[in-house]
Amino acid sequence: MGVLSGLKLLLVVGLLAGAGGGFFYVKQLQSNLEIMRLNNAKLENAVETTEKSLALLKEDNIRLNNLSDQLTKDLQKAEQYGDNLRNRLRELDLVQDAIRDSKDLEGRMNGATAKLWRELEAATGGDGNSPLPNWLLVPKGTGDKSSNTDREDNSTDSSSTKTN
């Protein structure tokens, strides 16, 4: 009875130790499972945030591409305008004009400059309707002799132009 009882006791102790170890193992698995669930929820939130960020970045990319295309078009227009100005200046002989009629040239240049400033003001968000400066205003009663049709008051008679 001694050996058989010892084996039975050993078997019972082994079973209890195995059951206790199994119990702790299951508790550990349940704890790990709960941690994994929490981590999974955090990862799902992170994925959702990442997807929203990615969608926002795609929208921004489309918007920036459109702005870039518009800037490219504007640049091409500006380059074409610059080319036109260079071609026009090549056609003009400003030195001869200045020698022949400096007052007329001054009036045309002032009118063109005022027009250019108004266009620049309009292009940068202003209304483009700034009044002419005093030095460019033509007194009433002067003729409207004009060789510069771009000027708004159509008068280039700079001999009557006031200077301050």
N, C-alpha and C. Protein backbone atom coordinates (compact mmCIF):
# COMPACT_ATOMS: atom_id res chain seq x y z
N MET A 1 0.79 -1.15 0.00
CA MET A 1 0.00 0.00 0.00
C MET A 1 0.86 1.25 0.00
N GLY A 2 1.98 1.21 0.41
CA GLY A 2 2.83 2.36 0.50
C GLY A 2 3.25 2.91 -0.84
N VAL A 3 3.59 2.01 -1.74
CA VAL A 3 4.06 2.46 -3.05
C VAL A 3 2.86 2.90 -3.88
N LEU A 4 1.81 2.16 -3.80
CA LEU A 4 0.63 2.48 -4.58
C LEU A 4 -0.01 3.77 -4.07
N SER A 5 -0.04 3.98 -2.81
CA SER A 5 -0.57 5.20 -2.25
C SER A 5 0.30 6.38 -2.62
N GLY A 6 1.57 6.19 -2.62
CA GLY A 6 2.49 7.26 -2.99
C GLY A 6 2.31 7.66 -4.45
N LEU A 7 2.07 6.65 -5.29
CA LEU A 7 1.85 6.94 -6.71
C LEU A 7 0.52 7.67 -6.91
N LYS A 8 -0.48 7.23 -6.13
CA LYS A 8 -1.78 7.90 -6.25
C LYS A 8 -1.65 9.37 -5.80
N LEU A 9 -0.95 9.53 -4.69
CA LEU A 9 -0.75 10.88 -4.18
C LEU A 9 0.04 11.71 -5.18
N LEU A 10 1.05 11.13 -5.74
CA LEU A 10 1.87 11.82 -6.74
C LEU A 10 1.03 12.16 -7.98
N LEU A 11 0.18 11.23 -8.36
CA LEU A 11 -0.71 11.45 -9.50
C LEU A 11 -1.70 12.56 -9.20
N VAL A 12 -2.28 12.60 -8.03
CA VAL A 12 -3.24 13.64 -7.65
C VAL A 12 -2.53 14.99 -7.59
N VAL A 13 -1.34 15.02 -6.99
CA VAL A 13 -0.57 16.27 -6.90
C VAL A 13 -0.20 16.73 -8.30
N GLY A 14 0.20 15.81 -9.15
CA GLY A 14 0.54 16.16 -10.54
C GLY A 14 -0.66 16.71 -11.29
N LEU A 15 -1.82 16.06 -11.10
CA LEU A 15 -3.03 16.55 -11.75
C LEU A 15 -3.42 17.93 -11.23
N LEU A 16 -3.31 18.13 -9.92
CA LEU A 16 -3.63 19.44 -9.36
C LEU A 16 -2.65 20.50 -9.84
N ALA A 17 -1.36 20.14 -9.90
CA ALA A 17 -0.36 21.08 -10.40
C ALA A 17 -0.61 21.39 -11.88
N GLY A 18 -0.96 20.37 -12.65
CA GLY A 18 -1.26 20.58 -14.07
C GLY A 18 -2.50 21.44 -14.24
N ALA A 19 -3.54 21.17 -13.42
CA ALA A 19 -4.76 21.96 -13.50
C ALA A 19 -4.48 23.40 -13.08
N GLY A 20 -3.67 23.58 -12.02
CA GLY A 20 -3.32 24.94 -11.58
C GLY A 20 -2.51 25.66 -12.64
N GLY A 21 -1.51 24.95 -13.22
CA GLY A 21 -0.71 25.55 -14.29
C GLY A 21 -1.56 25.89 -15.50
N GLY A 22 -2.49 24.98 -15.82
CA GLY A 22 -3.40 25.23 -16.94
C GLY A 22 -4.28 26.44 -16.67
N PHE A 23 -4.74 26.54 -15.43
CA PHE A 23 -5.58 27.66 -15.04
C PHE A 23 -4.82 28.98 -15.23
N PHE A 24 -3.58 29.03 -14.73
CA PHE A 24 -2.77 30.24 -14.88
C PHE A 24 -2.45 30.51 -16.36
N TYR A 25 -2.24 29.44 -17.12
CA TYR A 25 -1.96 29.58 -18.55
C TYR A 25 -3.17 30.18 -19.27
N VAL A 26 -4.38 29.71 -18.95
CA VAL A 26 -5.61 30.23 -19.56
C VAL A 26 -5.80 31.69 -19.15
N LYS A 27 -5.56 32.01 -17.86
CA LYS A 27 -5.69 33.40 -17.41
C LYS A 27 -4.71 34.30 -18.17
N GLN A 28 -3.47 33.81 -18.35
CA GLN A 28 -2.47 34.57 -19.09
C GLN A 28 -2.93 34.76 -20.54
N LEU A 29 -3.49 33.75 -21.16
CA LEU A 29 -4.00 33.85 -22.54
C LEU A 29 -5.14 34.86 -22.61
N GLN A 30 -6.04 34.83 -21.62
CA GLN A 30 -7.14 35.79 -21.60
C GLN A 30 -6.62 37.22 -21.45
N SER A 31 -5.62 37.39 -20.59
CA SER A 31 -5.02 38.72 -20.41
C SER A 31 -4.37 39.20 -21.70
N ASN A 32 -3.62 38.30 -22.35
CA ASN A 32 -2.98 38.64 -23.63
C ASN A 32 -4.03 38.96 -24.70
N LEU A 33 -5.13 38.21 -24.70
CA LEU A 33 -6.20 38.43 -25.66
C LEU A 33 -6.83 39.81 -25.46
N GLU A 34 -7.03 40.21 -24.22
CA GLU A 34 -7.59 41.53 -23.93
C GLU A 34 -6.63 42.64 -24.37
N ILE A 35 -5.34 42.45 -24.12
CA ILE A 35 -4.34 43.42 -24.57
C ILE A 35 -4.35 43.52 -26.10
N MET A 36 -4.45 42.37 -26.75
CA MET A 36 -4.47 42.35 -28.22
C MET A 36 -5.73 43.05 -28.76
N ARG A 37 -6.85 42.89 -28.08
CA ARG A 37 -8.08 43.57 -28.51
C ARG A 37 -7.92 45.09 -28.41
N LEU A 38 -7.34 45.53 -27.29
CA LEU A 38 -7.10 46.97 -27.13
C LEU A 38 -6.14 47.49 -28.19
N ASN A 39 -5.07 46.75 -28.44
CA ASN A 39 -4.10 47.15 -29.47
C ASN A 39 -4.76 47.16 -30.85
N ASN A 40 -5.63 46.19 -31.10
CA ASN A 40 -6.32 46.13 -32.38
C ASN A 40 -7.22 47.36 -32.57
N ALA A 41 -7.91 47.76 -31.49
CA ALA A 41 -8.77 48.95 -31.57
C ALA A 41 -7.92 50.19 -31.86
N LYS A 42 -6.76 50.29 -31.21
CA LYS A 42 -5.87 51.42 -31.47
C LYS A 42 -5.37 51.40 -32.91
N LEU A 43 -5.04 50.22 -33.41
CA LEU A 43 -4.57 50.11 -34.78
C LEU A 43 -5.68 50.46 -35.78
N GLU A 44 -6.91 50.07 -35.49
CA GLU A 44 -8.03 50.43 -36.37
C GLU A 44 -8.20 51.94 -36.41
N ASN A 45 -8.07 52.60 -35.25
CA ASN A 45 -8.15 54.06 -35.21
C ASN A 45 -7.00 54.68 -36.02
N ALA A 46 -5.83 54.12 -35.87
CA ALA A 46 -4.68 54.63 -36.61
C ALA A 46 -4.86 54.45 -38.11
N VAL A 47 -5.40 53.31 -38.53
CA VAL A 47 -5.65 53.05 -39.95
C VAL A 47 -6.69 54.04 -40.47
N GLU A 48 -7.74 54.27 -39.69
CA GLU A 48 -8.78 55.21 -40.11
C GLU A 48 -8.21 56.62 -40.25
N THR A 49 -7.40 57.03 -39.29
CA THR A 49 -6.76 58.35 -39.35
C THR A 49 -5.84 58.44 -40.56
N THR A 50 -5.09 57.39 -40.80
CA THR A 50 -4.18 57.37 -41.94
C THR A 50 -4.94 57.45 -43.25
N GLU A 51 -6.05 56.73 -43.36
CA GLU A 51 -6.86 56.77 -44.57
C GLU A 51 -7.44 58.17 -44.80
N LYS A 52 -7.90 58.82 -43.72
CA LYS A 52 -8.41 60.18 -43.85
C LYS A 52 -7.29 61.13 -44.28
N SER A 53 -6.11 60.97 -43.68
CA SER A 53 -4.98 61.81 -44.04
C SER A 53 -4.59 61.60 -45.50
N LEU A 54 -4.60 60.36 -45.93
CA LEU A 54 -4.26 60.04 -47.31
C LEU A 54 -5.27 60.66 -48.27
N ALA A 55 -6.54 60.60 -47.94
CA ALA A 55 -7.57 61.21 -48.79
C ALA A 55 -7.37 62.73 -48.85
N LEU A 56 -7.05 63.33 -47.70
CA LEU A 56 -6.80 64.77 -47.66
C LEU A 56 -5.57 65.13 -48.49
N LEU A 57 -4.53 64.32 -48.40
CA LEU A 57 -3.33 64.56 -49.19
C LEU A 57 -3.62 64.45 -50.68
N LYS A 58 -4.46 63.49 -51.06
CA LYS A 58 -4.83 63.35 -52.48
C LYS A 58 -5.58 64.59 -52.95
N GLU A 59 -6.51 65.08 -52.12
CA GLU A 59 -7.26 66.29 -52.48
C GLU A 59 -6.31 67.48 -52.62
N ASP A 60 -5.39 67.61 -51.65
CA ASP A 60 -4.41 68.70 -51.72
C ASP A 60 -3.54 68.57 -52.95
N ASN A 61 -3.17 67.35 -53.29
CA ASN A 61 -2.33 67.13 -54.46
C ASN A 61 -3.06 67.55 -55.73
N ILE A 62 -4.34 67.22 -55.83
CA ILE A 62 -5.14 67.62 -56.99
C ILE A 62 -5.24 69.15 -57.05
N ARG A 63 -5.51 69.76 -55.89
CA ARG A 63 -5.63 71.22 -55.84
C ARG A 63 -4.31 71.88 -56.22
N LEU A 64 -3.21 71.37 -55.68
CA LEU A 64 -1.90 71.95 -55.99
C LEU A 64 -1.53 71.75 -57.46
N ASN A 65 -1.90 70.61 -58.03
CA ASN A 65 -1.65 70.39 -59.45
C ASN A 65 -2.44 71.39 -60.29
N ASN A 66 -3.69 71.64 -59.91
CA ASN A 66 -4.49 72.63 -60.63
C ASN A 66 -3.88 74.02 -60.52
N LEU A 67 -3.43 74.37 -59.31
CA LEU A 67 -2.78 75.67 -59.13
C LEU A 67 -1.49 75.77 -59.93
N SER A 68 -0.75 74.69 -59.94
CA SER A 68 0.49 74.66 -60.72
C SER A 68 0.20 74.83 -62.21
N ASP A 69 -0.84 74.16 -62.70
CA ASP A 69 -1.22 74.31 -64.11
C ASP A 69 -1.61 75.76 -64.40
N GLN A 70 -2.37 76.36 -63.48
CA GLN A 70 -2.78 77.75 -63.68
C GLN A 70 -1.57 78.68 -63.67
N LEU A 71 -0.64 78.43 -62.75
CA LEU A 71 0.58 79.25 -62.70
C LEU A 71 1.40 79.09 -63.96
N THR A 72 1.44 77.88 -64.50
CA THR A 72 2.17 77.65 -65.75
C THR A 72 1.53 78.44 -66.88
N LYS A 73 0.19 78.42 -66.94
CA LYS A 73 -0.51 79.19 -67.97
C LYS A 73 -0.23 80.68 -67.80
N ASP A 74 -0.30 81.15 -66.54
CA ASP A 74 -0.03 82.57 -66.28
C ASP A 74 1.39 82.94 -66.65
N LEU A 75 2.33 82.05 -66.35
CA LEU A 75 3.72 82.30 -66.70
C LEU A 75 3.89 82.38 -68.21
N GLN A 76 3.23 81.48 -68.93
CA GLN A 76 3.31 81.52 -70.40
C GLN A 76 2.73 82.82 -70.94
N LYS A 77 1.61 83.27 -70.35
CA LYS A 77 1.03 84.55 -70.77
C LYS A 77 2.00 85.70 -70.49
N ALA A 78 2.61 85.67 -69.30
CA ALA A 78 3.55 86.73 -68.94
C ALA A 78 4.76 86.71 -69.86
N GLU A 79 5.26 85.52 -70.18
CA GLU A 79 6.40 85.44 -71.09
C GLU A 79 6.02 85.94 -72.48
N GLN A 80 4.81 85.61 -72.92
CA GLN A 80 4.35 86.09 -74.22
C GLN A 80 4.21 87.61 -74.21
N TYR A 81 3.70 88.15 -73.10
CA TYR A 81 3.57 89.59 -72.97
C TYR A 81 4.96 90.24 -73.01
N GLY A 82 5.91 89.64 -72.29
CA GLY A 82 7.28 90.16 -72.30
C GLY A 82 7.89 90.10 -73.70
N ASP A 83 7.63 89.01 -74.41
CA ASP A 83 8.12 88.90 -75.78
C ASP A 83 7.51 89.98 -76.66
N ASN A 84 6.20 90.20 -76.49
CA ASN A 84 5.54 91.26 -77.27
C ASN A 84 6.14 92.63 -76.96
N LEU A 85 6.40 92.89 -75.69
CA LEU A 85 7.00 94.17 -75.32
C LEU A 85 8.40 94.32 -75.92
N ARG A 86 9.19 93.25 -75.86
CA ARG A 86 10.53 93.31 -76.44
C ARG A 86 10.46 93.56 -77.95
N ASN A 87 9.53 92.88 -78.62
CA ASN A 87 9.38 93.09 -80.06
C ASN A 87 8.95 94.52 -80.37
N ARG A 88 8.04 95.03 -79.55
CA ARG A 88 7.58 96.40 -79.75
C ARG A 88 8.69 97.41 -79.53
N LEU A 89 9.49 97.18 -78.49
CA LEU A 89 10.60 98.09 -78.21
C LEU A 89 11.65 98.04 -79.32
N ARG A 90 11.82 96.88 -79.93
CA ARG A 90 12.76 96.78 -81.05
C ARG A 90 12.27 97.61 -82.23
N GLU A 91 10.94 97.63 -82.40
CA GLU A 91 10.37 98.39 -83.52
C GLU A 91 10.45 99.89 -83.27
N LEU A 92 10.40 100.31 -82.03
CA LEU A 92 10.43 101.74 -81.70
C LEU A 92 11.86 102.24 -81.67
N ASP A 93 12.04 103.44 -82.09
CA ASP A 93 13.35 104.08 -81.97
C ASP A 93 13.18 105.22 -80.99
N LEU A 94 13.29 104.89 -79.70
CA LEU A 94 13.01 105.87 -78.64
C LEU A 94 13.99 107.04 -78.68
N VAL A 95 15.21 106.78 -79.09
CA VAL A 95 16.20 107.87 -79.15
C VAL A 95 15.75 108.90 -80.18
N GLN A 96 15.35 108.45 -81.36
CA GLN A 96 14.89 109.38 -82.40
C GLN A 96 13.63 110.11 -81.95
N ASP A 97 12.70 109.38 -81.30
CA ASP A 97 11.49 110.03 -80.80
C ASP A 97 11.82 111.09 -79.76
N ALA A 98 12.77 110.80 -78.89
CA ALA A 98 13.16 111.75 -77.86
C ALA A 98 13.81 112.98 -78.48
N ILE A 99 14.59 112.78 -79.50
CA ILE A 99 15.23 113.93 -80.17
C ILE A 99 14.19 114.77 -80.89
N ARG A 100 13.26 114.12 -81.60
CA ARG A 100 12.24 114.82 -82.38
C ARG A 100 11.25 115.55 -81.50
N ASP A 101 10.64 114.83 -80.53
CA ASP A 101 9.58 115.43 -79.73
C ASP A 101 9.59 114.83 -78.34
N SER A 102 10.45 115.37 -77.50
CA SER A 102 10.62 114.78 -76.16
C SER A 102 9.37 114.94 -75.30
N LYS A 103 8.64 116.05 -75.47
CA LYS A 103 7.42 116.26 -74.67
C LYS A 103 6.36 115.21 -75.03
N ASP A 104 6.21 114.93 -76.32
CA ASP A 104 5.24 113.92 -76.75
C ASP A 104 5.63 112.54 -76.23
N LEU A 105 6.91 112.22 -76.31
CA LEU A 105 7.39 110.93 -75.82
C LEU A 105 7.17 110.82 -74.32
N GLU A 106 7.42 111.91 -73.60
CA GLU A 106 7.21 111.90 -72.15
C GLU A 106 5.75 111.62 -71.83
N GLY A 107 4.84 112.25 -72.54
CA GLY A 107 3.41 112.03 -72.30
C GLY A 107 3.01 110.60 -72.59
N ARG A 108 3.50 110.05 -73.70
CA ARG A 108 3.16 108.67 -74.04
C ARG A 108 3.73 107.70 -73.01
N MET A 109 4.95 107.94 -72.57
CA MET A 109 5.59 107.06 -71.58
C MET A 109 4.85 107.14 -70.24
N ASN A 110 4.48 108.36 -69.84
CA ASN A 110 3.75 108.51 -68.57
C ASN A 110 2.40 107.83 -68.64
N GLY A 111 1.69 107.99 -69.78
CA GLY A 111 0.39 107.34 -69.93
C GLY A 111 0.52 105.83 -69.91
N ALA A 112 1.52 105.31 -70.61
CA ALA A 112 1.72 103.86 -70.64
C ALA A 112 2.11 103.34 -69.26
N THR A 113 2.93 104.12 -68.54
CA THR A 113 3.35 103.71 -67.19
C THR A 113 2.14 103.68 -66.25
N ALA A 114 1.30 104.70 -66.34
CA ALA A 114 0.10 104.74 -65.48
C ALA A 114 -0.80 103.55 -65.79
N LYS A 115 -0.97 103.25 -67.07
CA LYS A 115 -1.79 102.10 -67.46
C LYS A 115 -1.20 100.81 -66.92
N LEU A 116 0.11 100.66 -67.03
CA LEU A 116 0.78 99.46 -66.54
C LEU A 116 0.61 99.30 -65.04
N TRP A 117 0.73 100.40 -64.28
CA TRP A 117 0.55 100.33 -62.84
C TRP A 117 -0.88 99.94 -62.48
N ARG A 118 -1.86 100.45 -63.24
CA ARG A 118 -3.25 100.08 -62.97
C ARG A 118 -3.47 98.60 -63.27
N GLU A 119 -2.90 98.11 -64.35
CA GLU A 119 -3.02 96.69 -64.67
C GLU A 119 -2.37 95.83 -63.59
N LEU A 120 -1.22 96.27 -63.10
CA LEU A 120 -0.52 95.55 -62.04
C LEU A 120 -1.36 95.55 -60.76
N GLU A 121 -1.96 96.68 -60.46
CA GLU A 121 -2.82 96.77 -59.28
C GLU A 121 -4.01 95.82 -59.41
N ALA A 122 -4.62 95.79 -60.60
CA ALA A 122 -5.77 94.90 -60.81
C ALA A 122 -5.35 93.44 -60.74
N ALA A 123 -4.16 93.11 -61.24
CA ALA A 123 -3.69 91.72 -61.25
C ALA A 123 -3.34 91.23 -59.86
N THR A 124 -3.04 92.15 -58.93
CA THR A 124 -2.65 91.75 -57.59
C THR A 124 -3.76 91.95 -56.58
N GLY A 125 -5.00 92.06 -57.07
CA GLY A 125 -6.14 92.09 -56.16
C GLY A 125 -6.77 93.44 -55.95
N GLY A 126 -6.20 94.51 -56.49
CA GLY A 126 -6.82 95.82 -56.36
C GLY A 126 -7.90 96.00 -57.39
N ASP A 127 -8.53 97.18 -57.37
CA ASP A 127 -9.60 97.40 -58.34
C ASP A 127 -9.07 97.96 -59.66
N GLY A 128 -7.84 98.44 -59.67
CA GLY A 128 -7.24 98.94 -60.91
C GLY A 128 -7.79 100.29 -61.32
N ASN A 129 -8.47 100.97 -60.41
CA ASN A 129 -9.07 102.26 -60.74
C ASN A 129 -8.45 103.39 -59.91
N SER A 130 -7.19 103.30 -59.60
CA SER A 130 -6.53 104.37 -58.85
C SER A 130 -6.54 105.64 -59.67
N PRO A 131 -6.72 106.77 -59.02
CA PRO A 131 -6.69 108.03 -59.79
C PRO A 131 -5.29 108.28 -60.35
N LEU A 132 -5.25 109.02 -61.43
CA LEU A 132 -3.96 109.37 -62.02
C LEU A 132 -3.20 110.27 -61.06
N PRO A 133 -1.89 110.15 -61.00
CA PRO A 133 -1.12 111.05 -60.15
C PRO A 133 -1.17 112.48 -60.68
N ASN A 134 -0.97 113.45 -59.80
CA ASN A 134 -1.06 114.86 -60.19
C ASN A 134 -0.10 115.21 -61.32
N TRP A 135 1.06 114.65 -61.32
CA TRP A 135 2.05 115.00 -62.35
C TRP A 135 1.65 114.48 -63.73
N LEU A 136 0.65 113.60 -63.77
CA LEU A 136 0.21 113.05 -65.05
C LEU A 136 -1.10 113.66 -65.54
N LEU A 137 -1.78 114.37 -64.67
CA LEU A 137 -3.07 114.95 -65.05
C LEU A 137 -2.88 116.08 -66.04
N VAL A 138 -3.76 116.13 -67.00
CA VAL A 138 -3.73 117.18 -68.02
C VAL A 138 -4.75 118.23 -67.62
N PRO A 139 -4.36 119.50 -67.56
CA PRO A 139 -5.32 120.55 -67.18
C PRO A 139 -6.46 120.63 -68.18
N LYS A 140 -7.61 121.06 -67.71
CA LYS A 140 -8.78 121.20 -68.58
C LYS A 140 -8.50 122.27 -69.63
N GLY A 141 -9.09 122.05 -70.79
CA GLY A 141 -8.95 123.04 -71.84
C GLY A 141 -7.82 122.71 -72.81
N THR A 142 -7.05 121.67 -72.56
CA THR A 142 -6.00 121.30 -73.50
C THR A 142 -6.60 120.38 -74.53
N GLY A 143 -5.97 120.28 -75.64
CA GLY A 143 -6.47 119.45 -76.71
C GLY A 143 -6.31 117.98 -76.38
N ASP A 144 -6.84 117.15 -77.23
CA ASP A 144 -6.68 115.73 -76.99
C ASP A 144 -5.84 115.12 -78.09
N LYS A 145 -4.74 115.78 -78.41
CA LYS A 145 -3.81 115.22 -79.38
C LYS A 145 -3.23 113.96 -78.75
N SER A 146 -3.32 112.87 -79.45
CA SER A 146 -2.87 111.63 -78.84
C SER A 146 -2.24 110.72 -79.87
N SER A 147 -1.06 110.26 -79.53
CA SER A 147 -0.46 109.21 -80.34
C SER A 147 -0.45 107.91 -79.56
N ASN A 148 -0.97 107.96 -78.32
CA ASN A 148 -1.01 106.77 -77.47
C ASN A 148 -2.46 106.50 -77.12
N THR A 149 -3.06 105.55 -77.80
CA THR A 149 -4.46 105.24 -77.53
C THR A 149 -4.63 104.40 -76.29
N ASP A 150 -3.54 103.92 -75.70
CA ASP A 150 -3.64 103.11 -74.48
C ASP A 150 -3.90 103.97 -73.26
N ARG A 151 -3.59 105.24 -73.34
CA ARG A 151 -3.74 106.11 -72.19
C ARG A 151 -5.21 106.39 -71.94
N GLU A 152 -5.60 106.41 -70.69
CA GLU A 152 -7.02 106.48 -70.38
C GLU A 152 -7.65 107.82 -70.69
N ASP A 153 -6.94 108.94 -70.53
CA ASP A 153 -7.56 110.21 -70.83
C ASP A 153 -7.32 110.63 -72.27
N ASN A 154 -6.67 109.76 -73.06
CA ASN A 154 -6.43 109.97 -74.48
C ASN A 154 -5.71 111.28 -74.78
N SER A 155 -4.96 111.80 -73.86
CA SER A 155 -4.24 113.02 -74.11
C SER A 155 -2.76 112.79 -73.82
N THR A 156 -1.93 113.12 -74.80
CA THR A 156 -0.49 113.02 -74.58
C THR A 156 0.18 114.35 -74.74
N ASP A 157 -0.58 115.39 -74.64
CA ASP A 157 -0.02 116.72 -74.76
C ASP A 157 0.75 117.02 -73.49
N SER A 158 1.97 116.53 -73.42
CA SER A 158 2.74 116.66 -72.18
C SER A 158 3.30 118.04 -71.99
N SER A 159 3.15 118.91 -72.98
CA SER A 159 3.63 120.26 -72.79
C SER A 159 2.81 120.98 -71.72
N SER A 160 1.62 120.45 -71.45
CA SER A 160 0.78 121.05 -70.41
C SER A 160 0.72 120.18 -69.17
N THR A 161 1.58 119.18 -69.09
CA THR A 161 1.60 118.29 -67.93
C THR A 161 2.19 119.05 -66.75
N LYS A 162 1.52 118.94 -65.63
CA LYS A 162 1.98 119.61 -64.42
C LYS A 162 3.06 118.77 -63.76
N THR A 163 3.99 119.41 -63.13
CA THR A 163 4.98 118.74 -62.29
C THR A 163 4.90 119.34 -60.91
N ASN A 164 5.00 118.50 -59.91
CA ASN A 164 4.90 118.98 -58.52
C ASN A 164 6.26 119.18 -57.95
